[in-house]
């Protein structure tokens, strides 16, 4: 392990009620790392989207699955990895799906899929997706400190 890198790992059941636990965890870690308030909110939303994708798409209806979370806190950034052991998908096709909502279409014409990943790419500084055994999404947010937390405590 590289000196100066804190790594926090946890695995949770891939059920909707645990997505909030992951959000709270990354929020606390981002705050402790000194991340700006708006960036903490971005991280929470991106991680919730990634976890929701695991809950909705990774495992079959009768499968019991897990969400694997790894957070790496470095001097200038936080890297969050959300992974599963479920069904993979062709990750090479992801860039074609990463687009905003087409406002010229009616609600009935909108297709499902890709919006969550588009949101993740919009909120985070770097995103990588791999899908060899399950799916793993790595999200990086660079620290732009604004005094939200000072020395790990609450802001004044």
N, C-alpha and C. Protein backbone atom coordinates (compact mmCIF):
# COMPACT_ATOMS: atom_id res chain seq x y z
N UNK A 1 0.85 -1.19 0.00
CA UNK A 1 0.00 0.00 0.00
C UNK A 1 0.89 1.25 0.00
N UNK A 2 0.48 2.23 -0.73
CA UNK A 2 1.21 3.47 -0.84
C UNK A 2 1.11 4.28 0.45
N UNK A 3 2.23 4.86 0.85
CA UNK A 3 2.25 5.68 2.05
C UNK A 3 1.36 6.91 1.84
N UNK A 4 0.59 7.26 2.86
CA UNK A 4 -0.26 8.43 2.77
C UNK A 4 -1.63 8.17 2.16
N UNK A 5 -1.98 6.92 1.95
CA UNK A 5 -3.28 6.58 1.38
C UNK A 5 -4.06 5.80 2.44
N UNK A 6 -5.22 6.33 2.80
CA UNK A 6 -6.12 5.60 3.69
C UNK A 6 -7.12 4.84 2.83
N UNK A 7 -7.30 3.55 3.13
CA UNK A 7 -8.23 2.72 2.37
C UNK A 7 -9.29 2.19 3.33
N UNK A 8 -10.54 2.41 2.97
CA UNK A 8 -11.67 1.95 3.76
C UNK A 8 -12.49 1.03 2.87
N UNK A 9 -12.78 -0.17 3.35
CA UNK A 9 -13.53 -1.14 2.56
C UNK A 9 -14.70 -1.68 3.37
N UNK A 10 -15.78 -1.95 2.65
CA UNK A 10 -16.93 -2.58 3.28
C UNK A 10 -17.77 -3.28 2.22
N UNK A 11 -18.46 -4.32 2.63
CA UNK A 11 -19.40 -5.03 1.76
C UNK A 11 -20.74 -5.02 2.45
N UNK A 12 -21.78 -4.77 1.64
CA UNK A 12 -23.14 -4.71 2.17
C UNK A 12 -24.06 -5.52 1.26
N UNK A 13 -25.19 -5.96 1.79
CA UNK A 13 -26.17 -6.63 0.93
C UNK A 13 -26.64 -5.67 -0.16
N UNK A 14 -26.83 -6.20 -1.36
CA UNK A 14 -27.28 -5.39 -2.50
C UNK A 14 -28.79 -5.22 -2.43
N UNK A 15 -29.21 -4.44 -1.44
CA UNK A 15 -30.63 -4.14 -1.24
C UNK A 15 -30.79 -2.64 -1.08
N UNK A 16 -31.92 -2.11 -1.50
CA UNK A 16 -32.13 -0.65 -1.49
C UNK A 16 -31.89 0.01 -0.13
N UNK A 17 -32.22 -0.68 0.95
CA UNK A 17 -32.09 -0.06 2.27
C UNK A 17 -30.64 0.18 2.68
N UNK A 18 -29.68 -0.41 1.97
CA UNK A 18 -28.27 -0.18 2.30
C UNK A 18 -27.62 0.90 1.47
N UNK A 19 -28.30 1.40 0.45
CA UNK A 19 -27.74 2.49 -0.36
C UNK A 19 -27.52 3.73 0.51
N UNK A 20 -28.43 4.02 1.41
CA UNK A 20 -28.30 5.15 2.32
C UNK A 20 -27.11 5.00 3.25
N UNK A 21 -26.81 3.78 3.66
CA UNK A 21 -25.65 3.53 4.52
C UNK A 21 -24.37 3.90 3.76
N UNK A 22 -24.30 3.52 2.49
CA UNK A 22 -23.13 3.84 1.68
C UNK A 22 -23.02 5.36 1.50
N UNK A 23 -24.15 6.02 1.24
CA UNK A 23 -24.15 7.49 1.10
C UNK A 23 -23.60 8.16 2.35
N UNK A 24 -24.08 7.74 3.51
CA UNK A 24 -23.61 8.33 4.77
C UNK A 24 -22.13 8.06 4.99
N UNK A 25 -21.69 6.86 4.64
CA UNK A 25 -20.28 6.50 4.81
C UNK A 25 -19.38 7.39 3.96
N UNK A 26 -19.68 7.50 2.66
CA UNK A 26 -18.81 8.31 1.80
C UNK A 26 -18.91 9.79 2.14
N UNK A 27 -20.06 10.22 2.61
CA UNK A 27 -20.21 11.61 3.03
C UNK A 27 -19.28 11.92 4.20
N UNK A 28 -19.28 11.03 5.18
CA UNK A 28 -18.40 11.22 6.34
C UNK A 28 -16.93 11.17 5.97
N UNK A 29 -16.58 10.26 5.08
CA UNK A 29 -15.18 10.15 4.65
C UNK A 29 -14.75 11.37 3.84
N UNK A 30 -15.62 11.84 2.95
CA UNK A 30 -15.30 13.03 2.15
C UNK A 30 -15.16 14.26 3.05
N UNK A 31 -16.02 14.37 4.05
CA UNK A 31 -15.94 15.47 5.01
C UNK A 31 -14.62 15.40 5.77
N UNK A 32 -14.29 14.22 6.23
CA UNK A 32 -13.04 14.03 6.99
C UNK A 32 -11.82 14.36 6.14
N UNK A 33 -11.90 14.08 4.82
CA UNK A 33 -10.79 14.37 3.91
C UNK A 33 -10.68 15.87 3.62
N UNK A 34 -11.71 16.64 3.99
CA UNK A 34 -11.68 18.08 3.78
C UNK A 34 -12.29 18.53 2.47
N UNK A 35 -13.14 17.69 1.91
CA UNK A 35 -13.76 18.02 0.63
C UNK A 35 -14.78 19.15 0.81
N UNK A 36 -14.91 19.97 -0.21
CA UNK A 36 -15.87 21.07 -0.21
C UNK A 36 -17.30 20.53 -0.15
N UNK A 37 -18.20 21.31 0.44
CA UNK A 37 -19.59 20.88 0.64
C UNK A 37 -20.25 20.43 -0.67
N UNK A 38 -20.14 21.24 -1.72
CA UNK A 38 -20.78 20.89 -3.00
C UNK A 38 -20.19 19.60 -3.57
N UNK A 39 -18.90 19.41 -3.39
CA UNK A 39 -18.26 18.18 -3.87
C UNK A 39 -18.73 16.97 -3.07
N UNK A 40 -18.94 17.13 -1.77
CA UNK A 40 -19.48 16.04 -0.95
C UNK A 40 -20.86 15.64 -1.47
N UNK A 41 -21.68 16.62 -1.79
CA UNK A 41 -23.01 16.32 -2.32
C UNK A 41 -22.92 15.60 -3.66
N UNK A 42 -21.99 16.02 -4.51
CA UNK A 42 -21.78 15.34 -5.79
C UNK A 42 -21.37 13.89 -5.59
N UNK A 43 -20.44 13.66 -4.67
CA UNK A 43 -19.94 12.31 -4.39
C UNK A 43 -21.08 11.44 -3.87
N UNK A 44 -21.88 11.97 -2.94
CA UNK A 44 -23.00 11.20 -2.39
C UNK A 44 -23.96 10.76 -3.49
N UNK A 45 -24.30 11.68 -4.38
CA UNK A 45 -25.24 11.36 -5.45
C UNK A 45 -24.65 10.35 -6.43
N UNK A 46 -23.39 10.54 -6.82
CA UNK A 46 -22.75 9.62 -7.75
C UNK A 46 -22.65 8.21 -7.17
N UNK A 47 -22.27 8.10 -5.91
CA UNK A 47 -22.14 6.80 -5.26
C UNK A 47 -23.51 6.14 -5.11
N UNK A 48 -24.52 6.93 -4.78
CA UNK A 48 -25.88 6.37 -4.67
C UNK A 48 -26.34 5.84 -6.02
N UNK A 49 -26.03 6.53 -7.10
CA UNK A 49 -26.39 6.05 -8.45
C UNK A 49 -25.68 4.74 -8.76
N UNK A 50 -24.39 4.66 -8.43
CA UNK A 50 -23.62 3.44 -8.69
C UNK A 50 -24.19 2.27 -7.88
N UNK A 51 -24.52 2.51 -6.62
CA UNK A 51 -25.07 1.45 -5.78
C UNK A 51 -26.47 1.04 -6.24
N UNK A 52 -27.26 2.00 -6.65
CA UNK A 52 -28.59 1.70 -7.16
C UNK A 52 -28.50 0.85 -8.42
N UNK A 53 -27.51 1.11 -9.27
CA UNK A 53 -27.30 0.26 -10.44
C UNK A 53 -27.00 -1.18 -10.03
N UNK A 54 -26.21 -1.37 -8.99
CA UNK A 54 -25.93 -2.72 -8.49
C UNK A 54 -27.22 -3.38 -8.02
N UNK A 55 -27.98 -2.67 -7.21
CA UNK A 55 -29.23 -3.22 -6.66
C UNK A 55 -30.19 -3.61 -7.77
N UNK A 56 -30.33 -2.75 -8.78
CA UNK A 56 -31.34 -2.98 -9.82
C UNK A 56 -30.89 -3.92 -10.93
N UNK A 57 -29.59 -3.97 -11.23
CA UNK A 57 -29.17 -4.66 -12.44
C UNK A 57 -28.19 -5.82 -12.26
N UNK A 58 -27.47 -5.89 -11.15
CA UNK A 58 -26.37 -6.84 -11.05
C UNK A 58 -26.81 -8.27 -10.78
N UNK A 59 -27.87 -8.44 -10.04
CA UNK A 59 -28.24 -9.78 -9.59
C UNK A 59 -29.66 -10.12 -10.04
N UNK A 60 -29.89 -11.42 -10.25
CA UNK A 60 -31.22 -11.90 -10.60
C UNK A 60 -32.15 -11.80 -9.42
N UNK A 61 -33.44 -11.96 -9.68
CA UNK A 61 -34.47 -11.81 -8.63
C UNK A 61 -34.25 -12.76 -7.46
N UNK A 62 -33.72 -13.95 -7.70
CA UNK A 62 -33.53 -14.92 -6.63
C UNK A 62 -32.12 -14.95 -6.09
N UNK A 63 -31.24 -14.09 -6.61
CA UNK A 63 -29.84 -14.06 -6.17
C UNK A 63 -29.66 -13.16 -4.97
N UNK A 64 -28.80 -13.59 -4.06
CA UNK A 64 -28.38 -12.75 -2.96
C UNK A 64 -27.02 -12.20 -3.35
N UNK A 65 -26.92 -10.87 -3.43
CA UNK A 65 -25.67 -10.27 -3.89
C UNK A 65 -25.15 -9.25 -2.90
N UNK A 66 -23.98 -8.71 -3.24
CA UNK A 66 -23.33 -7.73 -2.38
C UNK A 66 -22.89 -6.52 -3.17
N UNK A 67 -22.83 -5.40 -2.48
CA UNK A 67 -22.20 -4.18 -2.96
C UNK A 67 -20.86 -4.11 -2.25
N UNK A 68 -19.78 -4.01 -3.02
CA UNK A 68 -18.44 -3.89 -2.44
C UNK A 68 -17.99 -2.45 -2.62
N UNK A 69 -17.64 -1.81 -1.53
CA UNK A 69 -17.23 -0.41 -1.55
C UNK A 69 -15.79 -0.31 -1.08
N UNK A 70 -14.99 0.44 -1.83
CA UNK A 70 -13.62 0.74 -1.42
C UNK A 70 -13.40 2.23 -1.64
N UNK A 71 -12.98 2.92 -0.59
CA UNK A 71 -12.67 4.35 -0.67
C UNK A 71 -11.19 4.53 -0.38
N UNK A 72 -10.54 5.25 -1.27
CA UNK A 72 -9.12 5.57 -1.07
C UNK A 72 -9.01 7.08 -0.92
N UNK A 73 -8.50 7.49 0.22
CA UNK A 73 -8.32 8.92 0.48
C UNK A 73 -6.84 9.23 0.34
N UNK A 74 -6.54 10.08 -0.63
CA UNK A 74 -5.17 10.48 -0.90
C UNK A 74 -5.04 11.96 -0.61
N UNK A 75 -3.88 12.49 -0.72
CA UNK A 75 -3.65 13.89 -0.39
C UNK A 75 -4.47 14.86 -1.23
N UNK A 76 -4.69 14.54 -2.49
CA UNK A 76 -5.36 15.48 -3.37
C UNK A 76 -6.66 14.98 -3.97
N UNK A 77 -7.07 13.76 -3.60
CA UNK A 77 -8.29 13.21 -4.20
C UNK A 77 -8.84 12.05 -3.38
N UNK A 78 -10.06 11.70 -3.72
CA UNK A 78 -10.73 10.55 -3.13
C UNK A 78 -11.19 9.68 -4.28
N UNK A 79 -10.84 8.40 -4.21
CA UNK A 79 -11.25 7.44 -5.23
C UNK A 79 -12.22 6.47 -4.58
N UNK A 80 -13.41 6.35 -5.16
CA UNK A 80 -14.44 5.47 -4.63
C UNK A 80 -14.73 4.40 -5.67
N UNK A 81 -14.64 3.15 -5.25
CA UNK A 81 -14.93 2.03 -6.14
C UNK A 81 -16.17 1.32 -5.63
N UNK A 82 -17.12 1.11 -6.51
CA UNK A 82 -18.32 0.36 -6.21
C UNK A 82 -18.32 -0.85 -7.14
N UNK A 83 -18.38 -2.04 -6.57
CA UNK A 83 -18.29 -3.26 -7.38
C UNK A 83 -19.34 -4.26 -6.94
N UNK A 84 -19.60 -5.21 -7.85
CA UNK A 84 -20.52 -6.31 -7.56
C UNK A 84 -19.95 -7.59 -8.15
N UNK A 85 -20.56 -8.70 -7.83
CA UNK A 85 -20.17 -10.01 -8.36
C UNK A 85 -21.25 -10.55 -9.27
N UNK A 86 -22.12 -9.68 -9.73
CA UNK A 86 -23.27 -10.12 -10.51
C UNK A 86 -23.01 -10.15 -11.99
N UNK A 87 -24.07 -9.93 -12.74
CA UNK A 87 -24.02 -9.97 -14.19
C UNK A 87 -23.25 -8.76 -14.71
N UNK A 88 -22.35 -9.02 -15.62
CA UNK A 88 -21.64 -7.95 -16.26
C UNK A 88 -22.43 -7.47 -17.47
N UNK A 89 -21.94 -6.46 -18.13
CA UNK A 89 -22.55 -5.97 -19.36
C UNK A 89 -21.43 -5.46 -20.24
N UNK A 90 -21.69 -5.25 -21.52
CA UNK A 90 -20.62 -4.80 -22.40
C UNK A 90 -20.21 -3.36 -22.09
N UNK A 91 -19.14 -3.20 -21.31
CA UNK A 91 -18.72 -1.87 -20.87
C UNK A 91 -18.23 -1.02 -22.04
N UNK A 92 -17.85 -1.65 -23.14
CA UNK A 92 -17.42 -0.89 -24.32
C UNK A 92 -18.57 -0.07 -24.90
N UNK A 93 -19.81 -0.50 -24.63
CA UNK A 93 -20.98 0.20 -25.17
C UNK A 93 -21.40 1.39 -24.30
N UNK A 94 -20.79 1.56 -23.14
CA UNK A 94 -21.19 2.61 -22.20
C UNK A 94 -21.05 4.02 -22.80
N UNK A 95 -19.93 4.38 -23.44
CA UNK A 95 -19.82 5.76 -23.94
C UNK A 95 -20.97 6.19 -24.86
N UNK A 96 -21.51 5.28 -25.63
CA UNK A 96 -22.61 5.62 -26.54
C UNK A 96 -23.89 5.95 -25.78
N UNK A 97 -24.02 5.40 -24.56
CA UNK A 97 -25.23 5.65 -23.77
C UNK A 97 -25.13 6.89 -22.89
N UNK A 98 -23.94 7.45 -22.76
CA UNK A 98 -23.72 8.58 -21.86
C UNK A 98 -24.15 9.87 -22.52
N UNK A 99 -25.41 10.19 -22.34
CA UNK A 99 -25.93 11.42 -22.94
C UNK A 99 -27.04 11.96 -22.07
N UNK A 100 -27.23 13.26 -22.12
CA UNK A 100 -28.32 13.86 -21.33
C UNK A 100 -29.67 13.52 -21.96
N UNK A 101 -30.71 13.86 -21.24
CA UNK A 101 -32.06 13.64 -21.74
C UNK A 101 -32.30 14.51 -22.95
N UNK A 102 -32.88 13.92 -23.97
CA UNK A 102 -33.24 14.67 -25.18
C UNK A 102 -34.56 15.38 -24.91
N UNK A 103 -34.50 16.68 -24.73
CA UNK A 103 -35.68 17.46 -24.35
C UNK A 103 -36.70 17.58 -25.48
N UNK A 104 -36.33 17.16 -26.69
CA UNK A 104 -37.28 17.22 -27.80
C UNK A 104 -38.22 16.02 -27.81
N UNK A 105 -37.90 14.99 -27.01
CA UNK A 105 -38.73 13.79 -26.95
C UNK A 105 -39.80 13.92 -25.88
N UNK A 106 -40.92 13.28 -26.11
CA UNK A 106 -41.96 13.23 -25.08
C UNK A 106 -41.55 12.19 -24.03
N UNK A 107 -42.19 12.20 -22.89
CA UNK A 107 -41.88 11.27 -21.82
C UNK A 107 -42.04 9.83 -22.30
N UNK A 108 -43.03 9.57 -23.14
CA UNK A 108 -43.27 8.22 -23.65
C UNK A 108 -42.15 7.74 -24.57
N UNK A 109 -41.41 8.65 -25.18
CA UNK A 109 -40.35 8.29 -26.12
C UNK A 109 -38.99 8.10 -25.45
N UNK A 110 -38.86 8.50 -24.19
CA UNK A 110 -37.57 8.37 -23.50
C UNK A 110 -37.27 6.90 -23.24
N UNK A 111 -36.02 6.52 -23.40
CA UNK A 111 -35.62 5.15 -23.11
C UNK A 111 -34.89 5.10 -21.79
N UNK A 112 -35.05 3.97 -21.10
CA UNK A 112 -34.39 3.80 -19.81
C UNK A 112 -32.95 3.37 -20.04
N UNK A 113 -32.10 3.76 -19.17
CA UNK A 113 -30.72 3.30 -19.24
C UNK A 113 -29.77 4.42 -19.62
N UNK A 114 -28.61 4.41 -18.97
CA UNK A 114 -27.57 5.36 -19.31
C UNK A 114 -27.62 6.67 -18.55
N UNK A 115 -28.78 7.07 -18.06
CA UNK A 115 -28.87 8.37 -17.39
C UNK A 115 -28.09 8.38 -16.08
N UNK A 116 -28.15 7.29 -15.31
CA UNK A 116 -27.39 7.22 -14.06
C UNK A 116 -25.90 7.31 -14.30
N UNK A 117 -25.41 6.60 -15.32
CA UNK A 117 -23.99 6.65 -15.65
C UNK A 117 -23.60 8.02 -16.19
N UNK A 118 -24.50 8.64 -16.95
CA UNK A 118 -24.25 10.00 -17.43
C UNK A 118 -24.11 10.95 -16.23
N UNK A 119 -24.99 10.81 -15.25
CA UNK A 119 -24.95 11.64 -14.06
C UNK A 119 -23.64 11.43 -13.30
N UNK A 120 -23.22 10.18 -13.14
CA UNK A 120 -21.97 9.87 -12.46
C UNK A 120 -20.80 10.56 -13.16
N UNK A 121 -20.76 10.44 -14.49
CA UNK A 121 -19.68 11.07 -15.26
C UNK A 121 -19.71 12.59 -15.12
N UNK A 122 -20.90 13.16 -15.01
CA UNK A 122 -21.04 14.61 -14.87
C UNK A 122 -20.58 15.09 -13.50
N UNK A 123 -20.85 14.33 -12.46
CA UNK A 123 -20.56 14.75 -11.09
C UNK A 123 -19.12 14.51 -10.65
N UNK A 124 -18.48 13.51 -11.22
CA UNK A 124 -17.14 13.12 -10.78
C UNK A 124 -16.09 13.63 -11.76
N UNK A 125 -14.85 13.74 -11.29
CA UNK A 125 -13.76 14.23 -12.13
C UNK A 125 -13.24 13.16 -13.09
N UNK A 126 -13.19 11.92 -12.64
CA UNK A 126 -12.76 10.80 -13.47
C UNK A 126 -13.63 9.60 -13.16
N UNK A 127 -13.98 8.84 -14.20
CA UNK A 127 -14.79 7.63 -14.02
C UNK A 127 -14.24 6.54 -14.93
N UNK A 128 -14.07 5.36 -14.35
CA UNK A 128 -13.65 4.19 -15.13
C UNK A 128 -14.58 3.04 -14.79
N UNK A 129 -14.97 2.27 -15.81
CA UNK A 129 -15.87 1.14 -15.60
C UNK A 129 -15.21 -0.10 -16.18
N UNK A 130 -15.20 -1.17 -15.41
CA UNK A 130 -14.71 -2.45 -15.92
C UNK A 130 -15.76 -3.51 -15.61
N UNK A 131 -15.79 -4.54 -16.44
CA UNK A 131 -16.83 -5.54 -16.28
C UNK A 131 -16.38 -6.95 -16.56
N UNK A 132 -15.22 -7.34 -16.05
CA UNK A 132 -14.74 -8.70 -16.28
C UNK A 132 -15.49 -9.72 -15.43
N UNK A 133 -15.55 -9.53 -14.15
CA UNK A 133 -16.28 -10.41 -13.22
C UNK A 133 -17.21 -9.51 -12.43
N UNK A 134 -18.43 -9.37 -12.88
CA UNK A 134 -19.30 -8.37 -12.31
C UNK A 134 -18.94 -7.03 -12.91
N UNK A 135 -19.32 -5.97 -12.24
CA UNK A 135 -19.02 -4.62 -12.73
C UNK A 135 -18.35 -3.84 -11.61
N UNK A 136 -17.33 -3.06 -11.97
CA UNK A 136 -16.67 -2.19 -11.00
C UNK A 136 -16.60 -0.81 -11.63
N UNK A 137 -17.08 0.18 -10.87
CA UNK A 137 -16.99 1.57 -11.32
C UNK A 137 -16.09 2.30 -10.34
N UNK A 138 -15.08 2.95 -10.88
CA UNK A 138 -14.13 3.72 -10.07
C UNK A 138 -14.37 5.19 -10.36
N UNK A 139 -14.64 5.95 -9.29
CA UNK A 139 -14.98 7.37 -9.40
C UNK A 139 -13.98 8.19 -8.61
N UNK A 140 -13.40 9.20 -9.24
CA UNK A 140 -12.41 10.05 -8.57
C UNK A 140 -12.95 11.46 -8.46
N UNK A 141 -12.78 12.05 -7.28
CA UNK A 141 -13.12 13.45 -7.06
C UNK A 141 -11.88 14.09 -6.43
N UNK A 142 -11.38 15.15 -7.07
CA UNK A 142 -10.23 15.87 -6.54
C UNK A 142 -10.68 16.80 -5.42
N UNK A 143 -9.85 16.94 -4.42
CA UNK A 143 -10.18 17.75 -3.26
C UNK A 143 -9.97 19.23 -3.57
N UNK A 144 -11.02 19.99 -3.37
CA UNK A 144 -10.97 21.45 -3.46
C UNK A 144 -11.45 21.96 -2.11
N UNK A 145 -10.54 22.04 -1.19
CA UNK A 145 -10.90 22.31 0.19
C UNK A 145 -11.45 23.71 0.38
N UNK A 146 -12.52 23.78 1.19
CA UNK A 146 -13.12 25.09 1.47
C UNK A 146 -13.45 25.26 2.94
N UNK A 147 -12.88 24.42 3.79
CA UNK A 147 -13.11 24.57 5.21
C UNK A 147 -14.35 23.91 5.72
N UNK A 148 -14.94 22.97 4.97
CA UNK A 148 -16.10 22.24 5.46
C UNK A 148 -15.73 21.52 6.74
N UNK A 149 -14.58 20.88 6.72
CA UNK A 149 -14.09 20.20 7.90
C UNK A 149 -12.65 20.63 8.13
N UNK A 150 -12.33 20.93 9.33
CA UNK A 150 -10.98 21.32 9.66
C UNK A 150 -10.40 20.31 10.62
N UNK A 151 -9.36 19.63 10.23
CA UNK A 151 -8.72 18.60 11.04
C UNK A 151 -9.70 17.51 11.45
N UNK A 152 -10.58 17.16 10.54
CA UNK A 152 -11.50 16.04 10.80
C UNK A 152 -12.70 16.41 11.63
N UNK A 153 -12.85 17.64 12.04
CA UNK A 153 -13.99 18.04 12.85
C UNK A 153 -15.01 18.79 12.04
N UNK A 154 -16.05 19.23 12.67
CA UNK A 154 -17.10 19.97 11.99
C UNK A 154 -16.64 21.40 11.67
N UNK A 155 -17.18 21.94 10.62
CA UNK A 155 -16.86 23.31 10.24
C UNK A 155 -17.48 24.27 11.24
N UNK A 156 -16.85 25.41 11.43
CA UNK A 156 -17.37 26.40 12.39
C UNK A 156 -18.44 27.26 11.75
